[in-house]
Amino acid sequence: MIHALAALLGGLSWTLAEYLLHRLDGHGMRGRTRSSRLHLAHHTRPDTFAPARLKVQAAIGVTIPMTSLGLWLAGPAGVAFTAGFVSAYLLYEWLHRRLHTHPPRTAWGRWARRHHFLHHFHRPHLNHGVTSPLWDHVFGTHLGGAPVVVPRRHAPPWMLTGDGQVRPELAGLFELQGRAPQPGPRPRPGVAAG
């Protein structure tokens, strides 16, 4: 029982770390750290993510000392705490990518995309939690509401119909900003039309 509780507490602790890293480093450092530069690049191009090798290095760099410290301070419960923390981090990495690359399939999926895309496309100083809005509520950085206005050039393919409009099932969540693509053939560069 104590190990399950420690793992749960580790997972909850990750949500606080996620919030603080996102808010204080990702945005607060304004490009002065490598992780901040990578994060700001992701905001510029939402389909860009930090390389997996850097994520693995960060995870190992945290897991080894955290496991050692946890084992020393709390024995197996400390290891369970670390396992919960690292598992929640891995869930975050999977979820964050999926928010950008896959359509929602559940009410929670629709909520998570709206919450995260409000951060991306409306107010980057709000909605720093990705796996949970808890700390946004605690620290007063939560923004609710819909629809999210998404710049057309940043709209993920899963959001759009074949003619470049918001899919009907997502129309209450998202709106597009910017000119719609014009139907018909596009002139080739260097070739006069007509």
N, C-alpha and C. Protein backbone atom coordinates (compact mmCIF):
# COMPACT_ATOMS: atom_id res chain seq x y z
N MET A 1 0.82 -1.20 0.00
CA MET A 1 0.00 0.00 0.00
C MET A 1 0.86 1.27 0.00
N ILE A 2 1.91 1.28 0.82
CA ILE A 2 2.76 2.46 0.91
C ILE A 2 3.49 2.70 -0.41
N HIS A 3 3.84 1.61 -1.11
CA HIS A 3 4.55 1.76 -2.38
C HIS A 3 3.63 2.33 -3.46
N ALA A 4 2.38 1.89 -3.46
CA ALA A 4 1.41 2.42 -4.43
C ALA A 4 1.16 3.91 -4.15
N LEU A 5 1.06 4.25 -2.88
CA LEU A 5 0.86 5.65 -2.51
C LEU A 5 2.08 6.50 -2.91
N ALA A 6 3.27 5.95 -2.70
CA ALA A 6 4.50 6.67 -3.07
C ALA A 6 4.56 6.87 -4.58
N ALA A 7 4.18 5.84 -5.35
CA ALA A 7 4.18 5.97 -6.82
C ALA A 7 3.16 7.02 -7.26
N LEU A 8 1.99 7.02 -6.64
CA LEU A 8 0.97 8.02 -6.96
C LEU A 8 1.46 9.43 -6.64
N LEU A 9 2.10 9.57 -5.50
CA LEU A 9 2.67 10.86 -5.11
C LEU A 9 3.77 11.29 -6.09
N GLY A 10 4.56 10.32 -6.56
CA GLY A 10 5.58 10.62 -7.57
C GLY A 10 4.96 11.14 -8.86
N GLY A 11 3.87 10.50 -9.30
CA GLY A 11 3.18 10.95 -10.50
C GLY A 11 2.60 12.34 -10.33
N LEU A 12 2.01 12.61 -9.18
CA LEU A 12 1.48 13.94 -8.90
C LEU A 12 2.61 14.97 -8.85
N SER A 13 3.74 14.58 -8.30
CA SER A 13 4.89 15.49 -8.25
C SER A 13 5.37 15.84 -9.65
N TRP A 14 5.28 14.87 -10.58
CA TRP A 14 5.67 15.20 -11.95
C TRP A 14 4.80 16.32 -12.49
N THR A 15 3.49 16.30 -12.20
CA THR A 15 2.62 17.35 -12.77
C THR A 15 3.06 18.73 -12.30
N LEU A 16 3.56 18.83 -11.06
CA LEU A 16 4.08 20.12 -10.58
C LEU A 16 5.39 20.45 -11.30
N ALA A 17 6.27 19.47 -11.43
CA ALA A 17 7.54 19.70 -12.14
C ALA A 17 7.27 20.11 -13.59
N GLU A 18 6.33 19.44 -14.23
CA GLU A 18 5.96 19.77 -15.62
C GLU A 18 5.51 21.22 -15.72
N TYR A 19 4.63 21.62 -14.82
CA TYR A 19 4.12 22.99 -14.81
C TYR A 19 5.27 23.99 -14.62
N LEU A 20 6.10 23.75 -13.61
CA LEU A 20 7.18 24.69 -13.31
C LEU A 20 8.22 24.75 -14.42
N LEU A 21 8.59 23.59 -14.97
CA LEU A 21 9.56 23.58 -16.08
C LEU A 21 9.00 24.32 -17.28
N HIS A 22 7.75 24.07 -17.59
CA HIS A 22 7.12 24.70 -18.75
C HIS A 22 7.04 26.22 -18.55
N ARG A 23 6.56 26.62 -17.39
CA ARG A 23 6.36 28.05 -17.14
C ARG A 23 7.68 28.80 -16.92
N LEU A 24 8.52 28.27 -16.03
CA LEU A 24 9.71 29.02 -15.62
C LEU A 24 10.88 28.86 -16.58
N ASP A 25 11.06 27.66 -17.13
CA ASP A 25 12.16 27.47 -18.08
C ASP A 25 11.69 27.66 -19.51
N GLY A 26 10.68 26.90 -19.92
CA GLY A 26 10.22 26.95 -21.30
C GLY A 26 9.86 28.35 -21.77
N HIS A 27 9.16 29.10 -20.93
CA HIS A 27 8.75 30.46 -21.29
C HIS A 27 9.54 31.51 -20.52
N GLY A 28 9.74 31.31 -19.24
CA GLY A 28 10.37 32.33 -18.40
C GLY A 28 11.80 32.65 -18.78
N MET A 29 12.54 31.67 -19.29
CA MET A 29 13.94 31.92 -19.65
C MET A 29 14.08 32.61 -21.01
N ARG A 30 13.00 32.68 -21.77
CA ARG A 30 12.98 33.43 -23.04
C ARG A 30 14.15 33.10 -23.96
N GLY A 31 14.43 31.80 -24.08
CA GLY A 31 15.46 31.36 -25.01
C GLY A 31 16.88 31.38 -24.46
N ARG A 32 17.06 31.64 -23.17
CA ARG A 32 18.41 31.69 -22.61
C ARG A 32 18.95 30.31 -22.24
N THR A 33 18.12 29.28 -22.24
CA THR A 33 18.61 27.92 -22.02
C THR A 33 18.27 27.08 -23.24
N ARG A 34 18.97 25.97 -23.40
CA ARG A 34 18.70 25.11 -24.55
C ARG A 34 17.27 24.61 -24.53
N SER A 35 16.80 24.19 -23.36
CA SER A 35 15.43 23.67 -23.30
C SER A 35 14.42 24.78 -23.61
N SER A 36 14.70 26.00 -23.20
CA SER A 36 13.80 27.11 -23.53
C SER A 36 13.80 27.38 -25.03
N ARG A 37 14.97 27.35 -25.65
CA ARG A 37 15.03 27.56 -27.11
C ARG A 37 14.26 26.47 -27.85
N LEU A 38 14.41 25.22 -27.40
CA LEU A 38 13.67 24.13 -28.03
C LEU A 38 12.17 24.31 -27.84
N HIS A 39 11.79 24.74 -26.66
CA HIS A 39 10.36 24.93 -26.40
C HIS A 39 9.79 26.06 -27.24
N LEU A 40 10.51 27.16 -27.33
CA LEU A 40 10.03 28.29 -28.13
C LEU A 40 9.99 27.92 -29.61
N ALA A 41 10.91 27.07 -30.06
CA ALA A 41 10.86 26.58 -31.45
C ALA A 41 9.59 25.76 -31.66
N HIS A 42 9.19 25.00 -30.64
CA HIS A 42 7.96 24.22 -30.73
C HIS A 42 6.75 25.15 -30.84
N HIS A 43 6.78 26.28 -30.17
CA HIS A 43 5.69 27.24 -30.30
C HIS A 43 5.66 27.87 -31.69
N THR A 44 6.82 28.10 -32.27
CA THR A 44 6.89 28.67 -33.62
C THR A 44 6.41 27.66 -34.65
N ARG A 45 6.81 26.41 -34.46
CA ARG A 45 6.39 25.31 -35.34
C ARG A 45 5.87 24.18 -34.45
N PRO A 46 4.57 24.13 -34.20
CA PRO A 46 4.02 23.16 -33.26
C PRO A 46 4.25 21.70 -33.62
N ASP A 47 4.66 21.43 -34.86
CA ASP A 47 4.96 20.04 -35.23
C ASP A 47 6.42 19.70 -34.99
N THR A 48 7.17 20.60 -34.36
CA THR A 48 8.58 20.38 -34.04
C THR A 48 8.69 20.02 -32.56
N PHE A 49 9.42 18.95 -32.29
CA PHE A 49 9.63 18.49 -30.91
C PHE A 49 11.12 18.34 -30.65
N ALA A 50 11.51 18.46 -29.40
CA ALA A 50 12.91 18.25 -29.03
C ALA A 50 13.32 16.83 -29.43
N PRO A 51 14.57 16.64 -29.84
CA PRO A 51 15.03 15.30 -30.23
C PRO A 51 14.89 14.29 -29.09
N ALA A 52 14.54 13.06 -29.44
CA ALA A 52 14.33 12.01 -28.44
C ALA A 52 15.57 11.78 -27.60
N ARG A 53 16.76 11.88 -28.20
CA ARG A 53 17.99 11.63 -27.44
C ARG A 53 18.13 12.61 -26.28
N LEU A 54 17.71 13.86 -26.48
CA LEU A 54 17.78 14.84 -25.40
C LEU A 54 16.79 14.51 -24.29
N LYS A 55 15.64 13.99 -24.67
CA LYS A 55 14.63 13.60 -23.68
C LYS A 55 15.11 12.40 -22.87
N VAL A 56 15.75 11.45 -23.55
CA VAL A 56 16.29 10.28 -22.85
C VAL A 56 17.41 10.72 -21.91
N GLN A 57 18.30 11.59 -22.38
CA GLN A 57 19.38 12.09 -21.51
C GLN A 57 18.81 12.78 -20.27
N ALA A 58 17.79 13.60 -20.46
CA ALA A 58 17.18 14.29 -19.32
C ALA A 58 16.55 13.30 -18.36
N ALA A 59 15.84 12.31 -18.90
CA ALA A 59 15.19 11.31 -18.05
C ALA A 59 16.22 10.52 -17.24
N ILE A 60 17.29 10.11 -17.89
CA ILE A 60 18.34 9.37 -17.18
C ILE A 60 19.02 10.27 -16.15
N GLY A 61 19.27 11.51 -16.55
CA GLY A 61 19.92 12.45 -15.64
C GLY A 61 19.11 12.74 -14.39
N VAL A 62 17.81 12.58 -14.46
CA VAL A 62 16.95 12.78 -13.29
C VAL A 62 16.74 11.46 -12.55
N THR A 63 16.54 10.38 -13.30
CA THR A 63 16.18 9.09 -12.70
C THR A 63 17.27 8.53 -11.80
N ILE A 64 18.51 8.57 -12.26
CA ILE A 64 19.59 7.95 -11.47
C ILE A 64 19.76 8.64 -10.11
N PRO A 65 19.95 9.95 -10.08
CA PRO A 65 20.10 10.56 -8.74
C PRO A 65 18.82 10.51 -7.91
N MET A 66 17.67 10.61 -8.57
CA MET A 66 16.41 10.58 -7.83
C MET A 66 16.19 9.20 -7.21
N THR A 67 16.51 8.14 -7.94
CA THR A 67 16.38 6.79 -7.41
C THR A 67 17.34 6.59 -6.24
N SER A 68 18.58 7.03 -6.41
CA SER A 68 19.57 6.88 -5.33
C SER A 68 19.13 7.63 -4.08
N LEU A 69 18.70 8.86 -4.25
CA LEU A 69 18.25 9.66 -3.11
C LEU A 69 17.00 9.05 -2.48
N GLY A 70 16.07 8.62 -3.32
CA GLY A 70 14.84 8.00 -2.81
C GLY A 70 15.12 6.73 -2.03
N LEU A 71 16.03 5.91 -2.55
CA LEU A 71 16.39 4.67 -1.86
C LEU A 71 17.05 4.98 -0.52
N TRP A 72 17.91 5.96 -0.50
CA TRP A 72 18.60 6.34 0.73
C TRP A 72 17.63 6.92 1.76
N LEU A 73 16.70 7.77 1.30
CA LEU A 73 15.78 8.43 2.23
C LEU A 73 14.61 7.56 2.66
N ALA A 74 14.07 6.77 1.73
CA ALA A 74 12.81 6.08 2.03
C ALA A 74 12.80 4.61 1.61
N GLY A 75 13.93 4.08 1.22
CA GLY A 75 13.99 2.67 0.84
C GLY A 75 13.15 2.41 -0.40
N PRO A 76 12.48 1.25 -0.46
CA PRO A 76 11.69 0.91 -1.64
C PRO A 76 10.58 1.92 -1.95
N ALA A 77 10.04 2.58 -0.94
CA ALA A 77 9.01 3.60 -1.20
C ALA A 77 9.60 4.76 -1.99
N GLY A 78 10.85 5.09 -1.75
CA GLY A 78 11.52 6.14 -2.52
C GLY A 78 11.70 5.75 -3.97
N VAL A 79 11.99 4.48 -4.20
CA VAL A 79 12.10 3.98 -5.58
C VAL A 79 10.73 4.02 -6.24
N ALA A 80 9.68 3.66 -5.50
CA ALA A 80 8.32 3.71 -6.05
C ALA A 80 7.94 5.15 -6.41
N PHE A 81 8.33 6.11 -5.58
CA PHE A 81 8.08 7.52 -5.87
C PHE A 81 8.75 7.89 -7.20
N THR A 82 10.00 7.51 -7.36
CA THR A 82 10.73 7.81 -8.60
C THR A 82 10.06 7.14 -9.79
N ALA A 83 9.62 5.89 -9.61
CA ALA A 83 8.95 5.18 -10.71
C ALA A 83 7.67 5.91 -11.11
N GLY A 84 6.92 6.41 -10.15
CA GLY A 84 5.71 7.18 -10.47
C GLY A 84 6.04 8.47 -11.18
N PHE A 85 7.08 9.16 -10.73
CA PHE A 85 7.51 10.42 -11.33
C PHE A 85 7.93 10.20 -12.78
N VAL A 86 8.79 9.21 -13.00
CA VAL A 86 9.30 8.94 -14.35
C VAL A 86 8.18 8.43 -15.26
N SER A 87 7.29 7.60 -14.73
CA SER A 87 6.16 7.11 -15.53
C SER A 87 5.27 8.26 -15.97
N ALA A 88 5.02 9.20 -15.07
CA ALA A 88 4.20 10.36 -15.43
C ALA A 88 4.91 11.23 -16.46
N TYR A 89 6.23 11.33 -16.37
CA TYR A 89 7.00 12.07 -17.38
C TYR A 89 6.84 11.40 -18.75
N LEU A 90 6.98 10.09 -18.79
CA LEU A 90 6.83 9.37 -20.06
C LEU A 90 5.41 9.54 -20.62
N LEU A 91 4.41 9.51 -19.74
CA LEU A 91 3.03 9.75 -20.16
C LEU A 91 2.91 11.15 -20.75
N TYR A 92 3.52 12.13 -20.11
CA TYR A 92 3.50 13.50 -20.61
C TYR A 92 4.09 13.57 -22.02
N GLU A 93 5.26 12.97 -22.23
CA GLU A 93 5.90 13.03 -23.56
C GLU A 93 4.99 12.41 -24.62
N TRP A 94 4.39 11.27 -24.31
CA TRP A 94 3.50 10.60 -25.25
C TRP A 94 2.26 11.46 -25.51
N LEU A 95 1.67 11.95 -24.43
CA LEU A 95 0.44 12.74 -24.55
C LEU A 95 0.68 14.04 -25.32
N HIS A 96 1.75 14.73 -24.99
CA HIS A 96 2.01 16.02 -25.64
C HIS A 96 2.14 15.85 -27.15
N ARG A 97 2.90 14.87 -27.58
CA ARG A 97 3.04 14.64 -29.02
C ARG A 97 1.68 14.29 -29.62
N ARG A 98 0.95 13.44 -28.94
CA ARG A 98 -0.35 12.98 -29.46
C ARG A 98 -1.36 14.13 -29.59
N LEU A 99 -1.30 15.09 -28.68
CA LEU A 99 -2.20 16.24 -28.78
C LEU A 99 -2.01 16.95 -30.11
N HIS A 100 -0.79 16.98 -30.60
CA HIS A 100 -0.48 17.67 -31.85
C HIS A 100 -0.67 16.79 -33.08
N THR A 101 -0.60 15.48 -32.93
CA THR A 101 -0.55 14.61 -34.11
C THR A 101 -1.78 13.74 -34.34
N HIS A 102 -2.66 13.64 -33.37
CA HIS A 102 -3.82 12.75 -33.50
C HIS A 102 -5.11 13.47 -33.11
N PRO A 103 -6.20 13.12 -33.75
CA PRO A 103 -7.48 13.75 -33.39
C PRO A 103 -7.97 13.23 -32.03
N PRO A 104 -8.80 14.02 -31.36
CA PRO A 104 -9.37 13.54 -30.10
C PRO A 104 -10.39 12.44 -30.36
N ARG A 105 -10.45 11.49 -29.43
CA ARG A 105 -11.43 10.40 -29.56
C ARG A 105 -12.41 10.37 -28.40
N THR A 106 -12.11 11.15 -27.38
CA THR A 106 -12.96 11.17 -26.18
C THR A 106 -13.21 12.62 -25.78
N ALA A 107 -14.13 12.80 -24.85
CA ALA A 107 -14.38 14.15 -24.32
C ALA A 107 -13.12 14.69 -23.66
N TRP A 108 -12.39 13.83 -22.94
CA TRP A 108 -11.15 14.27 -22.32
C TRP A 108 -10.13 14.68 -23.38
N GLY A 109 -10.05 13.94 -24.48
CA GLY A 109 -9.13 14.29 -25.56
C GLY A 109 -9.46 15.64 -26.17
N ARG A 110 -10.75 15.93 -26.32
CA ARG A 110 -11.15 17.24 -26.83
C ARG A 110 -10.78 18.34 -25.83
N TRP A 111 -11.04 18.07 -24.54
CA TRP A 111 -10.68 19.05 -23.52
C TRP A 111 -9.16 19.29 -23.53
N ALA A 112 -8.36 18.23 -23.55
CA ALA A 112 -6.90 18.36 -23.47
C ALA A 112 -6.35 19.16 -24.65
N ARG A 113 -6.87 18.93 -25.84
CA ARG A 113 -6.40 19.69 -27.01
C ARG A 113 -6.81 21.15 -26.90
N ARG A 114 -8.03 21.39 -26.49
CA ARG A 114 -8.47 22.78 -26.33
C ARG A 114 -7.60 23.48 -25.29
N HIS A 115 -7.38 22.85 -24.14
CA HIS A 115 -6.56 23.43 -23.07
C HIS A 115 -5.15 23.75 -23.57
N HIS A 116 -4.54 22.79 -24.25
CA HIS A 116 -3.16 22.97 -24.71
C HIS A 116 -3.08 23.97 -25.87
N PHE A 117 -4.03 23.91 -26.77
CA PHE A 117 -3.98 24.81 -27.93
C PHE A 117 -4.33 26.25 -27.54
N LEU A 118 -5.12 26.44 -26.47
CA LEU A 118 -5.29 27.80 -25.96
C LEU A 118 -3.94 28.37 -25.54
N HIS A 119 -3.11 27.52 -24.94
CA HIS A 119 -1.75 27.94 -24.56
C HIS A 119 -0.93 28.26 -25.80
N HIS A 120 -0.97 27.38 -26.78
CA HIS A 120 -0.15 27.55 -27.98
C HIS A 120 -0.55 28.76 -28.81
N PHE A 121 -1.83 28.92 -29.04
CA PHE A 121 -2.28 29.86 -30.06
C PHE A 121 -2.98 31.11 -29.52
N HIS A 122 -3.23 31.15 -28.21
CA HIS A 122 -3.97 32.29 -27.69
C HIS A 122 -3.19 33.02 -26.60
N ARG A 123 -2.83 32.31 -25.54
CA ARG A 123 -2.16 32.94 -24.41
C ARG A 123 -1.02 32.04 -23.92
N PRO A 124 0.19 32.19 -24.45
CA PRO A 124 1.29 31.31 -24.05
C PRO A 124 1.72 31.47 -22.59
N HIS A 125 1.28 32.51 -21.92
CA HIS A 125 1.62 32.68 -20.51
C HIS A 125 0.59 32.00 -19.60
N LEU A 126 -0.37 31.29 -20.18
CA LEU A 126 -1.39 30.57 -19.42
C LEU A 126 -1.41 29.10 -19.85
N ASN A 127 -2.11 28.27 -19.08
CA ASN A 127 -2.31 26.84 -19.38
C ASN A 127 -0.99 26.11 -19.58
N HIS A 128 -0.12 26.16 -18.58
CA HIS A 128 1.18 25.50 -18.67
C HIS A 128 1.10 24.00 -18.41
N GLY A 129 0.08 23.54 -17.71
CA GLY A 129 -0.06 22.11 -17.48
C GLY A 129 -0.52 21.41 -18.74
N VAL A 130 0.11 20.30 -19.07
CA VAL A 130 -0.31 19.51 -20.23
C VAL A 130 -1.06 18.27 -19.76
N THR A 131 -0.52 17.57 -18.78
CA THR A 131 -1.18 16.36 -18.29
C THR A 131 -2.28 16.67 -17.28
N SER A 132 -2.26 17.87 -16.72
CA SER A 132 -3.27 18.23 -15.71
C SER A 132 -3.39 19.75 -15.63
N PRO A 133 -4.61 20.25 -15.41
CA PRO A 133 -4.79 21.69 -15.20
C PRO A 133 -4.64 22.10 -13.73
N LEU A 134 -4.35 21.13 -12.85
CA LEU A 134 -4.33 21.38 -11.41
C LEU A 134 -3.50 22.60 -11.04
N TRP A 135 -2.26 22.64 -11.49
CA TRP A 135 -1.36 23.71 -11.06
C TRP A 135 -1.70 25.03 -11.73
N ASP A 136 -2.32 24.99 -12.91
CA ASP A 136 -2.82 26.22 -13.52
C ASP A 136 -3.90 26.84 -12.64
N HIS A 137 -4.75 26.00 -12.06
CA HIS A 137 -5.77 26.51 -11.14
C HIS A 137 -5.12 27.04 -9.86
N VAL A 138 -4.18 26.28 -9.31
CA VAL A 138 -3.52 26.68 -8.06
C VAL A 138 -2.80 28.02 -8.22
N PHE A 139 -2.08 28.20 -9.34
CA PHE A 139 -1.26 29.40 -9.53
C PHE A 139 -1.95 30.50 -10.35
N GLY A 140 -3.23 30.31 -10.65
CA GLY A 140 -3.99 31.35 -11.34
C GLY A 140 -3.63 31.55 -12.79
N THR A 141 -3.16 30.50 -13.45
CA THR A 141 -2.80 30.61 -14.87
C THR A 141 -3.71 29.79 -15.77
N HIS A 142 -4.88 29.42 -15.27
CA HIS A 142 -5.80 28.62 -16.07
C HIS A 142 -6.66 29.52 -16.95
N LEU A 143 -6.82 29.11 -18.20
CA LEU A 143 -7.71 29.79 -19.14
C LEU A 143 -8.62 28.74 -19.74
N GLY A 144 -9.91 28.92 -19.59
CA GLY A 144 -10.86 28.00 -20.19
C GLY A 144 -11.51 28.63 -21.40
N GLY A 145 -12.54 27.97 -21.87
CA GLY A 145 -13.30 28.53 -22.98
C GLY A 145 -12.92 27.95 -24.31
N ALA A 146 -13.82 28.14 -25.22
CA ALA A 146 -13.63 27.67 -26.59
C ALA A 146 -14.46 28.58 -27.47
N PRO A 147 -14.28 28.63 -28.71
CA PRO A 147 -13.31 27.85 -29.48
C PRO A 147 -11.92 28.49 -29.47
N VAL A 148 -10.94 27.68 -29.81
CA VAL A 148 -9.56 28.13 -29.93
C VAL A 148 -9.36 28.60 -31.37
N VAL A 149 -8.85 29.80 -31.53
CA VAL A 149 -8.55 30.31 -32.86
C VAL A 149 -7.14 29.85 -33.22
N VAL A 150 -7.05 29.01 -34.25
CA VAL A 150 -5.78 28.41 -34.67
C VAL A 150 -5.35 29.05 -36.00
N PRO A 151 -4.13 29.57 -36.07
CA PRO A 151 -3.66 30.06 -37.37
C PRO A 151 -3.69 28.91 -38.38
N ARG A 152 -4.27 29.17 -39.51
CA ARG A 152 -4.45 28.13 -40.52
C ARG A 152 -3.14 27.40 -40.83
N ARG A 153 -2.04 28.13 -40.89
CA ARG A 153 -0.75 27.51 -41.24
C ARG A 153 -0.27 26.54 -40.17
N HIS A 154 -0.81 26.64 -38.94
CA HIS A 154 -0.41 25.75 -37.86
C HIS A 154 -1.45 24.68 -37.54
N ALA A 155 -2.54 24.67 -38.26
CA ALA A 155 -3.59 23.68 -37.98
C ALA A 155 -3.07 22.28 -38.33
N PRO A 156 -3.16 21.35 -37.38
CA PRO A 156 -2.71 19.99 -37.68
C PRO A 156 -3.64 19.33 -38.69
N PRO A 157 -3.13 18.42 -39.50
CA PRO A 157 -3.96 17.78 -40.53
C PRO A 157 -5.21 17.11 -39.98
N TRP A 158 -5.15 16.54 -38.77
CA TRP A 158 -6.32 15.86 -38.21
C TRP A 158 -7.47 16.82 -37.94
N MET A 159 -7.20 18.12 -37.87
CA MET A 159 -8.23 19.12 -37.56
C MET A 159 -9.02 19.51 -38.81
N LEU A 160 -8.50 19.21 -39.99
CA LEU A 160 -9.04 19.76 -41.23
C LEU A 160 -9.73 18.73 -42.11
N THR A 161 -10.71 19.24 -42.86
CA THR A 161 -11.35 18.44 -43.91
C THR A 161 -10.46 18.51 -45.14
N GLY A 162 -10.84 17.78 -46.18
CA GLY A 162 -10.09 17.79 -47.42
C GLY A 162 -10.00 19.15 -48.07
N ASP A 163 -10.99 20.01 -47.82
CA ASP A 163 -10.96 21.35 -48.43
C ASP A 163 -10.41 22.40 -47.47
N GLY A 164 -9.73 21.97 -46.39
CA GLY A 164 -9.04 22.90 -45.52
C GLY A 164 -9.88 23.60 -44.48
N GLN A 165 -11.05 23.07 -44.16
CA GLN A 165 -11.90 23.65 -43.13
C GLN A 165 -11.82 22.79 -41.86
N VAL A 166 -12.27 23.36 -40.74
CA VAL A 166 -12.31 22.59 -39.49
C VAL A 166 -13.31 21.46 -39.65
N ARG A 167 -12.91 20.26 -39.24
CA ARG A 167 -13.81 19.11 -39.32
C ARG A 167 -15.10 19.42 -38.54
N PRO A 168 -16.25 19.01 -39.05
CA PRO A 168 -17.52 19.35 -38.40
C PRO A 168 -17.58 18.95 -36.92
N GLU A 169 -17.03 17.80 -36.57
CA GLU A 169 -17.09 17.34 -35.18
C GLU A 169 -16.20 18.17 -34.25
N LEU A 170 -15.33 19.00 -34.82
CA LEU A 170 -14.44 19.84 -34.02
C LEU A 170 -14.80 21.32 -34.11
N ALA A 171 -15.87 21.64 -34.85
CA ALA A 171 -16.23 23.03 -35.12
C ALA A 171 -16.51 23.83 -33.85
N GLY A 172 -16.99 23.23 -32.81
CA GLY A 172 -17.24 23.96 -31.58
C GLY A 172 -15.98 24.22 -30.75
N LEU A 173 -14.90 23.52 -31.10
CA LEU A 173 -13.66 23.66 -30.34
C LEU A 173 -12.66 24.59 -31.00
N PHE A 174 -12.60 24.56 -32.33
CA PHE A 174 -11.55 25.27 -33.05
C PHE A 174 -12.12 26.12 -34.17
N GLU A 175 -11.48 27.25 -34.41
CA GLU A 175 -11.75 28.09 -35.58
C GLU A 175 -10.41 28.38 -36.23
N LEU A 176 -10.43 28.59 -37.53
CA LEU A 176 -9.20 28.89 -38.25
C LEU A 176 -9.07 30.38 -38.50
N GLN A 177 -7.86 30.85 -38.43
CA GLN A 177 -7.56 32.25 -38.71
C GLN A 177 -6.64 32.28 -39.93
N GLY A 178 -6.92 33.17 -40.85
CA GLY A 178 -6.11 33.27 -42.06
C GLY A 178 -6.93 32.87 -43.27
N ARG A 179 -6.39 33.19 -44.44
CA ARG A 179 -7.12 32.91 -45.67
C ARG A 179 -7.18 31.42 -45.96
N ALA A 180 -8.33 31.01 -46.46
CA ALA A 180 -8.52 29.63 -46.88
C ALA A 180 -7.79 29.41 -48.20
N PRO A 181 -7.32 28.20 -48.43
CA PRO A 181 -6.67 27.93 -49.72
C PRO A 181 -7.68 28.09 -50.85
N GLN A 182 -7.24 28.64 -51.95
CA GLN A 182 -8.10 28.86 -53.10
C GLN A 182 -8.22 27.58 -53.91
N PRO A 183 -9.44 27.25 -54.37
CA PRO A 183 -9.61 26.04 -55.18
C PRO A 183 -8.96 26.22 -56.54
N GLY A 184 -8.67 25.11 -57.16
CA GLY A 184 -8.11 25.15 -58.50
C GLY A 184 -6.61 24.99 -58.49
N PRO A 185 -6.04 24.84 -59.67
CA PRO A 185 -4.59 24.63 -59.75
C PRO A 185 -3.83 25.90 -59.39
N ARG A 186 -2.70 25.70 -58.77
CA ARG A 186 -1.83 26.82 -58.43
C ARG A 186 -0.81 26.99 -59.56
N PRO A 187 -0.52 28.24 -59.91
CA PRO A 187 0.50 28.43 -60.95
C PRO A 187 1.86 27.97 -60.44
N ARG A 188 2.62 27.38 -61.33
CA ARG A 188 3.96 26.95 -60.96
C ARG A 188 4.88 28.17 -60.91
N PRO A 189 5.84 28.16 -60.00
CA PRO A 189 6.77 29.29 -59.93
C PRO A 189 7.47 29.49 -61.27
N GLY A 190 7.54 30.74 -61.69
CA GLY A 190 8.25 31.07 -62.93
C GLY A 190 7.42 30.88 -64.19
N VAL A 191 6.17 30.42 -64.04
CA VAL A 191 5.30 30.20 -65.21
C VAL A 191 4.15 31.19 -65.12
N ALA A 192 3.97 31.98 -66.15
CA ALA A 192 2.89 32.97 -66.16
C ALA A 192 1.54 32.27 -66.26
N ALA A 193 0.58 32.77 -65.49
CA ALA A 193 -0.77 32.20 -65.55
C ALA A 193 -1.48 32.72 -66.79
N GLY A 194 -2.35 31.89 -67.37
CA GLY A 194 -3.20 32.34 -68.46
C GLY A 194 -2.59 32.08 -69.75
